[in-house]
Amino acid sequence: MIKCLGILRHSTRSYRKEDLSLRDCIKINGKDKTYTAGFISARMVRRTIEASKEVNFESISPEELDKLMDYIVELFENQFSRDELYDGLASKDLIPTITRCINEVVGEVSSATAGEEKNG
């Protein structure tokens, strides 16, 4: 398995290869929690593109950050709230977690498309 700052790509039996996890980077009630987003719908890919284009990552505003946090909550199917994400995610992991979530979703589409181009 490959770990990248709070995002974990599983290749074990308990998770499909496509599962995206936030592992031990969100604390809820003082305890590390792991959350998994197994099925990434086409609509979620659209939301990912939308969320990433709406935000100026060089100078992020509080409103843009709220939108990104809402995006992550939606990506993980409301297993936690925006407030739980804000309160439970370490400050040093905030931007890396957001960018890795976006990259994981968009990266899956890119790798699938690249495979089709080679086969076509």
Protein backbone atom coordinates (compact mmCIF):
# COMPACT_ATOMS: atom_id res chain seq x y z
CA MET A 1 0.00 0.00 0.00
CA ILE A 2 1.09 3.54 -0.76
CA LYS A 3 0.58 6.22 1.89
CA CYS A 4 0.59 9.91 1.05
CA LEU A 5 -0.07 12.30 3.96
CA GLY A 6 -3.36 11.06 5.26
CA ILE A 7 -4.58 9.52 2.04
CA LEU A 8 -4.08 5.81 1.70
CA ARG A 9 -4.57 3.69 -1.39
CA HIS A 10 -5.40 0.16 -0.24
CA SER A 11 -4.50 -3.01 -2.05
CA THR A 12 -5.49 -5.41 0.73
CA ARG A 13 -8.44 -7.80 0.66
CA SER A 14 -10.66 -5.68 2.87
CA TYR A 15 -10.71 -2.83 0.32
CA ARG A 16 -10.88 -2.74 -3.43
CA LYS A 17 -7.91 -1.19 -5.20
CA GLU A 18 -10.05 1.84 -6.09
CA ASP A 19 -10.86 2.73 -2.46
CA LEU A 20 -9.68 6.13 -1.24
CA SER A 21 -9.13 6.48 2.49
CA LEU A 22 -8.42 9.18 5.00
CA ARG A 23 -6.49 7.15 7.53
CA ASP A 24 -5.50 8.25 11.02
CA CYS A 25 -5.42 11.89 10.03
CA ILE A 26 -8.80 12.98 11.37
CA LYS A 27 -9.34 12.91 15.10
CA ILE A 28 -12.94 12.61 16.30
CA ASN A 29 -13.41 12.82 20.07
CA GLY A 30 -9.63 12.54 20.48
CA LYS A 31 -9.34 9.27 18.55
CA ASP A 32 -7.80 8.71 15.11
CA LYS A 33 -10.42 7.61 12.61
CA THR A 34 -10.22 6.03 9.17
CA TYR A 35 -12.80 6.87 6.52
CA THR A 36 -13.12 5.19 3.14
CA ALA A 37 -14.70 6.36 -0.08
CA GLY A 38 -15.04 3.21 -2.15
CA PHE A 39 -17.16 4.09 -5.17
CA ILE A 40 -16.26 7.33 -6.92
CA SER A 41 -19.13 8.25 -9.23
CA ALA A 42 -18.84 10.17 -12.47
CA ARG A 43 -20.75 12.98 -10.74
CA MET A 44 -18.01 13.10 -8.08
CA VAL A 45 -15.40 13.46 -10.82
CA ARG A 46 -17.39 16.44 -12.11
CA ARG A 47 -17.56 17.89 -8.57
CA THR A 48 -13.80 17.39 -8.22
CA ILE A 49 -13.08 19.31 -11.40
CA GLU A 50 -15.56 22.00 -10.38
CA ALA A 51 -14.08 22.36 -6.87
CA SER A 52 -10.51 22.51 -8.09
CA LYS A 53 -11.23 25.13 -10.77
CA GLU A 54 -13.17 27.41 -8.42
CA VAL A 55 -10.28 27.83 -6.00
CA ASN A 56 -7.16 29.94 -6.25
CA PHE A 57 -4.72 27.72 -4.37
CA GLU A 58 -2.12 30.51 -4.30
CA SER A 59 -4.36 32.75 -2.19
CA ILE A 60 -7.19 30.68 -0.75
CA SER A 61 -10.07 32.53 0.92
CA PRO A 62 -12.04 31.22 3.91
CA GLU A 63 -15.07 30.74 1.64
CA GLU A 64 -13.03 28.73 -0.85
CA LEU A 65 -11.65 26.60 1.96
CA ASP A 66 -15.19 25.91 3.18
CA LYS A 67 -16.12 24.78 -0.36
CA LEU A 68 -13.15 22.43 -0.45
CA MET A 69 -13.95 21.00 2.96
CA ASP A 70 -17.55 20.46 1.83
CA TYR A 71 -16.17 18.72 -1.25
CA ILE A 72 -14.15 16.30 0.92
CA VAL A 73 -17.18 15.64 3.13
CA GLU A 74 -19.20 14.89 -0.01
CA LEU A 75 -16.41 12.71 -1.45
CA PHE A 76 -16.49 10.60 1.72
CA GLU A 77 -20.31 10.44 1.61
CA ASN A 78 -20.95 12.54 4.73
CA GLN A 79 -19.21 10.09 7.09
CA PHE A 80 -18.07 13.20 9.00
CA SER A 81 -19.10 16.84 9.03
CA ARG A 82 -17.24 19.91 7.83
CA ASP A 83 -16.72 20.92 11.46
CA GLU A 84 -15.33 17.48 12.35
CA LEU A 85 -12.95 17.76 9.40
CA TYR A 86 -11.82 21.26 10.42
CA ASP A 87 -11.41 20.28 14.08
CA GLY A 88 -9.89 16.86 13.51
CA LEU A 89 -7.44 17.50 10.67
CA ALA A 90 -3.95 18.75 11.58
CA SER A 91 -3.12 22.14 10.08
CA LYS A 92 -0.02 20.74 8.36
CA ASP A 93 -2.20 18.12 6.63
CA LEU A 94 -4.93 20.50 5.43
CA ILE A 95 -3.72 21.50 1.95
CA PRO A 96 -1.91 18.19 1.24
CA THR A 97 -5.09 16.28 2.10
CA ILE A 98 -7.25 18.46 -0.16
CA THR A 99 -4.85 18.24 -3.09
CA ARG A 100 -4.36 14.52 -2.70
CA CYS A 101 -8.13 13.92 -2.67
CA ILE A 102 -8.46 15.92 -5.88
CA ASN A 103 -5.45 14.22 -7.46
CA GLU A 104 -6.67 10.74 -6.52
CA VAL A 105 -10.07 11.27 -8.16
CA VAL A 106 -8.76 13.06 -11.26
CA GLY A 107 -5.79 10.69 -11.46
CA GLU A 108 -8.11 7.67 -11.70
CA VAL A 109 -9.84 9.22 -14.71
CA SER A 110 -6.52 10.18 -16.31
CA SER A 111 -5.03 6.70 -15.89
CA ALA A 112 -8.19 5.07 -17.27
CA THR A 113 -8.15 7.40 -20.28
CA ALA A 114 -4.45 6.79 -20.87
CA GLY A 115 -5.07 3.04 -20.88
CA GLU A 116 -7.81 3.42 -23.49
CA GLU A 117 -5.59 5.53 -25.73
CA LYS A 118 -2.89 2.84 -25.68
CA ASN A 119 -5.44 0.12 -26.48
CA GLY A 120 -7.26 2.14 -29.17
